[in-house]
């Protein structure tokens, strides 16, 4: 499918891109090749092929959740630059 210069300018407008007039023709050729390749892919017979979200089998690599005691507050706050009770103190951003 060959795209015209007007179609390339319209796509560029939608994408908020600016092309010099001499760039339109090379982009039209390149985008036409891409669209032709997508047309080729649409002709592939995929009957009986299960849809998938990833080409490789995925598995959870995280460890199981286990209940453990939390870090003590004093140890967690040891490197805090400013502290207010058991919380980090940060500058106010609103009045």
PDB file of N, CA and C in Angstrom:
ATOM      1  N   UNK A   1       0.852  -1.177   0.000  1.00  0.00           N
ATOM      2  CA  UNK A   1       0.000   0.000   0.000  1.00  0.00           C
ATOM      3  C   UNK A   1       0.894   1.234   0.000  1.00  0.00           C
ATOM      4  N   UNK A   2       0.805   2.017  -1.033  1.00  0.00           N
ATOM      5  CA  UNK A   2       1.615   3.228  -1.137  1.00  0.00           C
ATOM      6  C   UNK A   2       0.864   4.389  -0.487  1.00  0.00           C
ATOM      7  N   UNK A   3       1.529   5.067   0.424  1.00  0.00           N
ATOM      8  CA  UNK A   3       0.936   6.226   1.082  1.00  0.00           C
ATOM      9  C   UNK A   3       1.312   7.491   0.336  1.00  0.00           C
ATOM     10  N   UNK A   4       0.404   8.433   0.316  1.00  0.00           N
ATOM     11  CA  UNK A   4       0.654   9.689  -0.384  1.00  0.00           C
ATOM     12  C   UNK A   4       1.282  10.707   0.562  1.00  0.00           C
ATOM     13  N   UNK A   5       1.814  11.754  -0.014  1.00  0.00           N
ATOM     14  CA  UNK A   5       2.391  12.825   0.789  1.00  0.00           C
ATOM     15  C   UNK A   5       1.369  13.463   1.704  1.00  0.00           C
ATOM     16  N   UNK A   6       0.116  13.591   1.222  1.00  0.00           N
ATOM     17  CA  UNK A   6      -0.944  14.168   2.068  1.00  0.00           C
ATOM     18  C   UNK A   6      -1.227  13.281   3.274  1.00  0.00           C
ATOM     19  N   UNK A   7      -1.211  11.961   3.076  1.00  0.00           N
ATOM     20  CA  UNK A   7      -1.434  11.053   4.204  1.00  0.00           C
ATOM     21  C   UNK A   7      -0.296  11.160   5.216  1.00  0.00           C
ATOM     22  N   UNK A   8       0.932  11.287   4.729  1.00  0.00           N
ATOM     23  CA  UNK A   8       2.083  11.424   5.630  1.00  0.00           C
ATOM     24  C   UNK A   8       1.981  12.733   6.412  1.00  0.00           C
ATOM     25  N   UNK A   9       1.596  13.802   5.725  1.00  0.00           N
ATOM     26  CA  UNK A   9       1.444  15.084   6.425  1.00  0.00           C
ATOM     27  C   UNK A   9       0.338  15.005   7.471  1.00  0.00           C
ATOM     28  N   UNK A  10      -0.756  14.278   7.170  1.00  0.00           N
ATOM     29  CA  UNK A  10      -1.848  14.149   8.133  1.00  0.00           C
ATOM     30  C   UNK A  10      -1.405  13.332   9.353  1.00  0.00           C
ATOM     31  N   UNK A  11      -0.708  12.240   9.126  1.00  0.00           N
ATOM     32  CA  UNK A  11      -0.203  11.437  10.249  1.00  0.00           C
ATOM     33  C   UNK A  11       0.781  12.270  11.077  1.00  0.00           C
ATOM     34  N   UNK A  12       1.632  13.026  10.415  1.00  0.00           N
ATOM     35  CA  UNK A  12       2.583  13.888  11.125  1.00  0.00           C
ATOM     36  C   UNK A  12       1.832  14.929  11.946  1.00  0.00           C
ATOM     37  N   UNK A  13       0.769  15.477  11.382  1.00  0.00           N
ATOM     38  CA  UNK A  13      -0.042  16.451  12.118  1.00  0.00           C
ATOM     39  C   UNK A  13      -0.642  15.814  13.366  1.00  0.00           C
ATOM     40  N   UNK A  14      -1.195  14.602  13.216  1.00  0.00           N
ATOM     41  CA  UNK A  14      -1.790  13.912  14.365  1.00  0.00           C
ATOM     42  C   UNK A  14      -0.761  13.602  15.440  1.00  0.00           C
ATOM     43  N   UNK A  15       0.475  13.315  15.018  1.00  0.00           N
ATOM     44  CA  UNK A  15       1.546  12.984  15.958  1.00  0.00           C
ATOM     45  C   UNK A  15       2.286  14.223  16.432  1.00  0.00           C
ATOM     46  N   UNK A  16       1.838  15.381  15.989  1.00  0.00           N
ATOM     47  CA  UNK A  16       2.474  16.658  16.343  1.00  0.00           C
ATOM     48  C   UNK A  16       3.946  16.681  15.925  1.00  0.00           C
ATOM     49  N   UNK A  17       4.203  16.183  14.708  1.00  0.00           N
ATOM     50  CA  UNK A  17       5.550  16.185  14.146  1.00  0.00           C
ATOM     51  C   UNK A  17       5.612  17.192  13.015  1.00  0.00           C
ATOM     52  N   UNK A  18       6.789  17.748  12.812  1.00  0.00           N
ATOM     53  CA  UNK A  18       6.985  18.662  11.699  1.00  0.00           C
ATOM     54  C   UNK A  18       8.063  18.094  10.791  1.00  0.00           C
ATOM     55  N   UNK A  19       7.770  18.014   9.499  1.00  0.00           N
ATOM     56  CA  UNK A  19       8.728  17.529   8.521  1.00  0.00           C
ATOM     57  C   UNK A  19       9.012  18.630   7.519  1.00  0.00           C
ATOM     58  N   UNK A  20      10.242  18.669   7.053  1.00  0.00           N
ATOM     59  CA  UNK A  20      10.575  19.535   5.927  1.00  0.00           C
ATOM     60  C   UNK A  20       9.963  18.912   4.677  1.00  0.00           C
ATOM     61  N   UNK A  21       9.629  19.715   3.677  1.00  0.00           N
ATOM     62  CA  UNK A  21       9.018  19.153   2.455  1.00  0.00           C
ATOM     63  C   UNK A  21       9.859  18.050   1.808  1.00  0.00           C
ATOM     64  N   UNK A  22      11.187  18.149   1.867  1.00  0.00           N
ATOM     65  CA  UNK A  22      12.025  17.114   1.248  1.00  0.00           C
ATOM     66  C   UNK A  22      12.049  15.816   2.064  1.00  0.00           C
ATOM     67  N   UNK A  23      11.554  15.834   3.309  1.00  0.00           N
ATOM     68  CA  UNK A  23      11.515  14.625   4.133  1.00  0.00           C
ATOM     69  C   UNK A  23      10.251  13.799   3.898  1.00  0.00           C
ATOM     70  N   UNK A  24       9.242  14.384   3.297  1.00  0.00           N
ATOM     71  CA  UNK A  24       7.955  13.704   3.142  1.00  0.00           C
ATOM     72  C   UNK A  24       8.083  12.442   2.291  1.00  0.00           C
ATOM     73  N   UNK A  25       8.752  12.529   1.152  1.00  0.00           N
ATOM     74  CA  UNK A  25       8.865  11.384   0.238  1.00  0.00           C
ATOM     75  C   UNK A  25       9.588  10.193   0.880  1.00  0.00           C
ATOM     76  N   UNK A  26      10.755  10.391   1.536  1.00  0.00           N
ATOM     77  CA  UNK A  26      11.402   9.237   2.189  1.00  0.00           C
ATOM     78  C   UNK A  26      10.526   8.619   3.285  1.00  0.00           C
ATOM     79  N   UNK A  27       9.829   9.456   4.054  1.00  0.00           N
ATOM     80  CA  UNK A  27       8.951   8.922   5.091  1.00  0.00           C
ATOM     81  C   UNK A  27       7.771   8.177   4.478  1.00  0.00           C
ATOM     82  N   UNK A  28       7.274   8.668   3.356  1.00  0.00           N
ATOM     83  CA  UNK A  28       6.169   7.974   2.684  1.00  0.00           C
ATOM     84  C   UNK A  28       6.608   6.580   2.242  1.00  0.00           C
ATOM     85  N   UNK A  29       7.808   6.478   1.689  1.00  0.00           N
ATOM     86  CA  UNK A  29       8.317   5.158   1.271  1.00  0.00           C
ATOM     87  C   UNK A  29       8.483   4.230   2.471  1.00  0.00           C
ATOM     88  N   UNK A  30       9.112   4.733   3.536  1.00  0.00           N
ATOM     89  CA  UNK A  30       9.370   3.895   4.712  1.00  0.00           C
ATOM     90  C   UNK A  30       8.069   3.448   5.371  1.00  0.00           C
ATOM     91  N   UNK A  31       7.145   4.379   5.542  1.00  0.00           N
ATOM     92  CA  UNK A  31       5.883   4.024   6.182  1.00  0.00           C
ATOM     93  C   UNK A  31       5.059   3.086   5.294  1.00  0.00           C
ATOM     94  N   UNK A  32       5.158   3.238   3.987  1.00  0.00           N
ATOM     95  CA  UNK A  32       4.473   2.321   3.068  1.00  0.00           C
ATOM     96  C   UNK A  32       5.023   0.907   3.210  1.00  0.00           C
ATOM     97  N   UNK A  33       6.337   0.776   3.388  1.00  0.00           N
ATOM     98  CA  UNK A  33       6.939  -0.554   3.595  1.00  0.00           C
ATOM     99  C   UNK A  33       6.438  -1.165   4.900  1.00  0.00           C
ATOM    100  N   UNK A  34       6.318  -0.356   5.940  1.00  0.00           N
ATOM    101  CA  UNK A  34       5.834  -0.865   7.228  1.00  0.00           C
ATOM    102  C   UNK A  34       4.394  -1.332   7.109  1.00  0.00           C
ATOM    103  N   UNK A  35       3.556  -0.523   6.469  1.00  0.00           N
ATOM    104  CA  UNK A  35       2.148  -0.892   6.300  1.00  0.00           C
ATOM    105  C   UNK A  35       2.029  -2.154   5.441  1.00  0.00           C
ATOM    106  N   UNK A  36       2.853  -2.286   4.416  1.00  0.00           N
ATOM    107  CA  UNK A  36       2.832  -3.496   3.587  1.00  0.00           C
ATOM    108  C   UNK A  36       3.213  -4.725   4.399  1.00  0.00           C
ATOM    109  N   UNK A  37       4.175  -4.584   5.295  1.00  0.00           N
ATOM    110  CA  UNK A  37       4.581  -5.710   6.134  1.00  0.00           C
ATOM    111  C   UNK A  37       3.441  -6.109   7.080  1.00  0.00           C
ATOM    112  N   UNK A  38       2.744  -5.123   7.638  1.00  0.00           N
ATOM    113  CA  UNK A  38       1.609  -5.428   8.510  1.00  0.00           C
ATOM    114  C   UNK A  38       0.522  -6.129   7.710  1.00  0.00           C
ATOM    115  N   UNK A  39       0.293  -5.708   6.467  1.00  0.00           N
ATOM    116  CA  UNK A  39      -0.674  -6.397   5.608  1.00  0.00           C
ATOM    117  C   UNK A  39      -0.270  -7.851   5.397  1.00  0.00           C
ATOM    118  N   UNK A  40       1.020  -8.080   5.220  1.00  0.00           N
ATOM    119  CA  UNK A  40       1.524  -9.452   5.058  1.00  0.00           C
ATOM    120  C   UNK A  40       1.234 -10.275   6.309  1.00  0.00           C
ATOM    121  N   UNK A  41       1.454  -9.695   7.475  1.00  0.00           N
ATOM    122  CA  UNK A  41       1.224 -10.417   8.732  1.00  0.00           C
ATOM    123  C   UNK A  41      -0.248 -10.748   8.926  1.00  0.00           C
ATOM    124  N   UNK A  42      -1.132  -9.895   8.424  1.00  0.00           N
ATOM    125  CA  UNK A  42      -2.561 -10.153   8.577  1.00  0.00           C
ATOM    126  C   UNK A  42      -3.022 -11.319   7.719  1.00  0.00           C
ATOM    127  N   UNK A  43      -2.230 -11.732   6.753  1.00  0.00           N
ATOM    128  CA  UNK A  43      -2.604 -12.850   5.899  1.00  0.00           C
ATOM    129  C   UNK A  43      -2.178 -14.197   6.478  1.00  0.00           C
ATOM    130  N   UNK A  44      -1.440 -14.198   7.571  1.00  0.00           N
ATOM    131  CA  UNK A  44      -0.977 -15.444   8.175  1.00  0.00           C
ATOM    132  C   UNK A  44      -2.162 -16.162   8.819  1.00  0.00           C
ATOM    133  N   UNK A  45      -2.251 -17.460   8.587  1.00  0.00           N
ATOM    134  CA  UNK A  45      -3.314 -18.274   9.158  1.00  0.00           C
ATOM    135  C   UNK A  45      -2.986 -18.555  10.625  1.00  0.00           C
ATOM    136  N   UNK A  46      -3.842 -18.074  11.513  1.00  0.00           N
ATOM    137  CA  UNK A  46      -3.615 -18.274  12.937  1.00  0.00           C
ATOM    138  C   UNK A  46      -4.721 -19.123  13.571  1.00  0.00           C
ATOM    139  N   UNK A  47      -5.445 -19.886  12.742  1.00  0.00           N
ATOM    140  CA  UNK A  47      -6.479 -20.769  13.278  1.00  0.00           C
ATOM    141  C   UNK A  47      -5.838 -21.786  14.205  1.00  0.00           C
ATOM    142  N   UNK A  48      -6.412 -21.940  15.382  1.00  0.00           N
ATOM    143  CA  UNK A  48      -5.911 -22.913  16.341  1.00  0.00           C
ATOM    144  C   UNK A  48      -4.725 -22.419  17.161  1.00  0.00           C
ATOM    145  N   UNK A  49      -4.303 -21.196  16.952  1.00  0.00           N
ATOM    146  CA  UNK A  49      -3.190 -20.651  17.732  1.00  0.00           C
ATOM    147  C   UNK A  49      -3.765 -19.901  18.923  1.00  0.00           C
ATOM    148  N   UNK A  50      -3.358 -20.314  20.113  1.00  0.00           N
ATOM    149  CA  UNK A  50      -3.852 -19.673  21.322  1.00  0.00           C
ATOM    150  C   UNK A  50      -3.266 -18.269  21.459  1.00  0.00           C
ATOM    151  N   UNK A  51      -4.101 -17.288  21.804  1.00  0.00           N
ATOM    152  CA  UNK A  51      -3.556 -15.946  22.053  1.00  0.00           C
ATOM    153  C   UNK A  51      -2.636 -15.987  23.264  1.00  0.00           C
ATOM    154  N   UNK A  52      -1.603 -15.183  23.238  1.00  0.00           N
ATOM    155  CA  UNK A  52      -0.694 -15.139  24.375  1.00  0.00           C
ATOM    156  C   UNK A  52      -0.216 -13.707  24.587  1.00  0.00           C
ATOM    157  N   UNK A  53       0.200 -13.451  25.804  1.00  0.00           N
ATOM    158  CA  UNK A  53       0.670 -12.111  26.124  1.00  0.00           C
ATOM    159  C   UNK A  53       2.189 -12.038  26.131  1.00  0.00           C
ATOM    160  N   UNK A  54       2.836 -13.200  26.103  1.00  0.00           N
ATOM    161  CA  UNK A  54       4.295 -13.233  26.129  1.00  0.00           C
ATOM    162  C   UNK A  54       4.755 -14.503  25.417  1.00  0.00           C
ATOM    163  N   UNK A  55       5.823 -14.428  24.638  1.00  0.00           N
ATOM    164  CA  UNK A  55       6.242 -15.620  23.899  1.00  0.00           C
ATOM    165  C   UNK A  55       6.893 -16.697  24.764  1.00  0.00           C
ATOM    166  N   UNK A  56       7.316 -16.342  25.951  1.00  0.00           N
ATOM    167  CA  UNK A  56       7.959 -17.316  26.833  1.00  0.00           C
ATOM    168  C   UNK A  56       7.068 -17.619  28.021  1.00  0.00           C
ATOM    169  N   UNK A  57       7.150 -18.823  28.566  1.00  0.00           N
ATOM    170  CA  UNK A  57       6.355 -19.113  29.759  1.00  0.00           C
ATOM    171  C   UNK A  57       6.865 -18.284  30.939  1.00  0.00           C
ATOM    172  N   UNK A  58       5.942 -17.668  31.642  1.00  0.00           N
ATOM    173  CA  UNK A  58       6.318 -16.831  32.778  1.00  0.00           C
ATOM    174  C   UNK A  58       5.987 -17.560  34.066  1.00  0.00           C
ATOM    175  N   UNK A  59       6.791 -17.310  35.061  1.00  0.00           N
ATOM    176  CA  UNK A  59       6.508 -17.870  36.370  1.00  0.00           C
ATOM    177  C   UNK A  59       6.891 -16.853  37.426  1.00  0.00           C
ATOM    178  N   UNK A  60       6.219 -16.935  38.548  1.00  0.00           N
ATOM    179  CA  UNK A  60       6.477 -16.014  39.643  1.00  0.00           C
ATOM    180  C   UNK A  60       7.818 -16.374  40.283  1.00  0.00           C
ATOM    181  N   UNK A  61       8.720 -15.416  40.345  1.00  0.00           N
ATOM    182  CA  UNK A  61      10.035 -15.688  40.917  1.00  0.00           C
ATOM    183  C   UNK A  61      10.162 -15.124  42.331  1.00  0.00           C
ATOM    184  N   UNK A  62       9.055 -14.622  42.870  1.00  0.00           N
ATOM    185  CA  UNK A  62       9.092 -14.061  44.214  1.00  0.00           C
ATOM    186  C   UNK A  62       8.932 -15.159  45.251  1.00  0.00           C
ATOM    187  N   UNK A  63       9.461 -14.908  46.405  1.00  0.00           N
ATOM    188  CA  UNK A  63       9.309 -15.869  47.489  1.00  0.00           C
ATOM    189  C   UNK A  63       7.912 -15.763  48.069  1.00  0.00           C
ATOM    190  N   UNK A  64       7.496 -16.770  48.767  1.00  0.00           N
ATOM    191  CA  UNK A  64       6.183 -16.751  49.411  1.00  0.00           C
ATOM    192  C   UNK A  64       6.193 -15.735  50.554  1.00  0.00           C
ATOM    193  N   UNK A  65       5.048 -15.100  50.777  1.00  0.00           N
ATOM    194  CA  UNK A  65       4.940 -14.160  51.895  1.00  0.00           C
ATOM    195  C   UNK A  65       4.992 -14.916  53.205  1.00  0.00           C
ATOM    196  N   UNK A  66       5.806 -14.418  54.111  1.00  0.00           N
ATOM    197  CA  UNK A  66       5.916 -15.020  55.441  1.00  0.00           C
ATOM    198  C   UNK A  66       5.800 -13.918  56.469  1.00  0.00           C
ATOM    199  N   UNK A  67       5.050 -14.166  57.493  1.00  0.00           N
ATOM    200  CA  UNK A  67       4.890 -13.210  58.560  1.00  0.00           C
ATOM    201  C   UNK A  67       6.167 -13.162  59.386  1.00  0.00           C
ATOM    202  N   UNK A  68       6.765 -11.951  59.496  1.00  0.00           N
ATOM    203  CA  UNK A  68       7.984 -11.767  60.278  1.00  0.00           C
ATOM    204  C   UNK A  68       7.860 -10.469  61.064  1.00  0.00           C
ATOM    205  N   UNK A  69       8.621 -10.324  62.120  1.00  0.00           N
ATOM    206  CA  UNK A  69       8.567  -9.069  62.873  1.00  0.00           C
ATOM    207  C   UNK A  69       9.096  -7.911  62.020  1.00  0.00           C
ATOM    208  N   UNK A  70       8.498  -6.747  62.206  1.00  0.00           N
ATOM    209  CA  UNK A  70       8.921  -5.569  61.467  1.00  0.00           C
ATOM    210  C   UNK A  70      10.209  -5.001  62.051  1.00  0.00           C
ATOM    211  N   UNK A  71      10.839  -4.117  61.280  1.00  0.00           N
ATOM    212  CA  UNK A  71      12.031  -3.419  61.730  1.00  0.00           C
ATOM    213  C   UNK A  71      11.630  -2.474  62.852  1.00  0.00           C
ATOM    214  N   UNK A  72      12.382  -2.432  63.953  1.00  0.00           N
ATOM    215  CA  UNK A  72      12.042  -1.503  65.038  1.00  0.00           C
ATOM    216  C   UNK A  72      12.084  -0.053  64.529  1.00  0.00           C
ATOM    217  N   UNK A  73      11.197   0.791  65.062  1.00  0.00           N
ATOM    218  CA  UNK A  73      11.079   2.175  64.604  1.00  0.00           C
ATOM    219  C   UNK A  73      12.402   2.910  64.740  1.00  0.00           C
ATOM    220  N   UNK A  74      13.074   2.784  65.873  1.00  0.00           N
ATOM    221  CA  UNK A  74      14.348   3.505  66.077  1.00  0.00           C
ATOM    222  C   UNK A  74      15.392   3.095  65.038  1.00  0.00           C
ATOM    223  N   UNK A  75      15.412   1.837  64.666  1.00  0.00           N
ATOM    224  CA  UNK A  75      16.370   1.372  63.665  1.00  0.00           C
ATOM    225  C   UNK A  75      15.977   1.870  62.270  1.00  0.00           C
ATOM    226  N   UNK A  76      14.683   1.885  61.982  1.00  0.00           N
ATOM    227  CA  UNK A  76      14.218   2.366  60.689  1.00  0.00           C
ATOM    228  C   UNK A  76      14.451   3.862  60.532  1.00  0.00           C
ATOM    229  N   UNK A  77      14.371   4.603  61.627  1.00  0.00           N
ATOM    230  CA  UNK A  77      14.515   6.055  61.581  1.00  0.00           C
ATOM    231  C   UNK A  77      15.951   6.515  61.853  1.00  0.00           C
ATOM    232  N   UNK A  78      16.884   5.590  61.973  1.00  0.00           N
ATOM    233  CA  UNK A  78      18.261   5.936  62.344  1.00  0.00           C
ATOM    234  C   UNK A  78      18.909   6.917  61.361  1.00  0.00           C
ATOM    235  N   UNK A  79      18.641   6.835  60.087  1.00  0.00           N
ATOM    236  CA  UNK A  79      19.262   7.718  59.095  1.00  0.00           C
ATOM    237  C   UNK A  79      18.357   8.853  58.642  1.00  0.00           C
ATOM    238  N   UNK A  80      17.219   9.029  59.302  1.00  0.00           N
ATOM    239  CA  UNK A  80      16.296  10.095  58.904  1.00  0.00           C
ATOM    240  C   UNK A  80      16.930  11.453  59.193  1.00  0.00           C
ATOM    241  N   UNK A  81      16.918  12.379  58.238  1.00  0.00           N
ATOM    242  CA  UNK A  81      17.498  13.700  58.480  1.00  0.00           C
ATOM    243  C   UNK A  81      16.695  14.494  59.508  1.00  0.00           C
ATOM    244  N   UNK A  82      15.394  14.287  59.540  1.00  0.00           N
ATOM    245  CA  UNK A  82      14.548  14.963  60.535  1.00  0.00           C
ATOM    246  C   UNK A  82      13.444  13.994  60.929  1.00  0.00           C
ATOM    247  N   UNK A  83      13.069  14.064  62.198  1.00  0.00           N
ATOM    248  CA  UNK A  83      12.103  13.107  62.709  1.00  0.00           C
ATOM    249  C   UNK A  83      11.111  13.828  63.601  1.00  0.00           C
ATOM    250  N   UNK A  84       9.855  13.407  63.514  1.00  0.00           N
ATOM    251  CA  UNK A  84       8.825  13.949  64.393  1.00  0.00           C
ATOM    252  C   UNK A  84       8.093  12.758  64.977  1.00  0.00           C
ATOM    253  N   UNK A  85       8.449  12.379  66.171  1.00  0.00           N
ATOM    254  CA  UNK A  85       7.887  11.189  66.790  1.00  0.00           C
ATOM    255  C   UNK A  85       8.374   9.948  66.051  1.00  0.00           C
ATOM    256  N   UNK A  86       7.435   9.133  65.582  1.00  0.00           N
ATOM    257  CA  UNK A  86       7.776   7.918  64.868  1.00  0.00           C
ATOM    258  C   UNK A  86       7.703   8.110  63.339  1.00  0.00           C
ATOM    259  N   UNK A  87       7.740   9.366  62.886  1.00  0.00           N
ATOM    260  CA  UNK A  87       7.573   9.640  61.453  1.00  0.00           C
ATOM    261  C   UNK A  87       8.724  10.492  60.931  1.00  0.00           C
ATOM    262  N   UNK A  88       8.932  10.423  59.612  1.00  0.00           N
ATOM    263  CA  UNK A  88       9.884  11.309  58.955  1.00  0.00           C
ATOM    264  C   UNK A  88       9.291  12.716  58.943  1.00  0.00           C
ATOM    265  N   UNK A  89      10.081  13.715  59.262  1.00  0.00           N
ATOM    266  CA  UNK A  89       9.642  15.098  59.177  1.00  0.00           C
ATOM    267  C   UNK A  89      10.106  15.674  57.849  1.00  0.00           C
ATOM    268  N   UNK A  90       9.169  16.257  57.104  1.00  0.00           N
ATOM    269  CA  UNK A  90       9.490  16.854  55.817  1.00  0.00           C
ATOM    270  C   UNK A  90       8.953  18.277  55.791  1.00  0.00           C
ATOM    271  N   UNK A  91       9.551  19.143  54.961  1.00  0.00           N
ATOM    272  CA  UNK A  91       9.051  20.509  54.882  1.00  0.00           C
ATOM    273  C   UNK A  91       7.608  20.529  54.341  1.00  0.00           C
ATOM    274  N   UNK A  92       6.826  21.452  54.850  1.00  0.00           N
ATOM    275  CA  UNK A  92       5.444  21.587  54.397  1.00  0.00           C
ATOM    276  C   UNK A  92       5.431  22.120  52.968  1.00  0.00           C
ATOM    277  N   UNK A  93       4.549  21.593  52.153  1.00  0.00           N
ATOM    278  CA  UNK A  93       4.434  22.065  50.780  1.00  0.00           C
ATOM    279  C   UNK A  93       3.169  22.890  50.576  1.00  0.00           C
ATOM    280  N   UNK A  94       2.279  22.856  51.536  1.00  0.00           N
ATOM    281  CA  UNK A  94       1.052  23.645  51.487  1.00  0.00           C
ATOM    282  C   UNK A  94       0.875  24.361  52.813  1.00  0.00           C
ATOM    283  N   UNK A  95       0.278  25.513  52.753  1.00  0.00           N
ATOM    284  CA  UNK A  95       0.004  26.247  54.009  1.00  0.00           C
ATOM    285  C   UNK A  95      -1.287  25.779  54.633  1.00  0.00           C
TER     286      UNK A  95
END
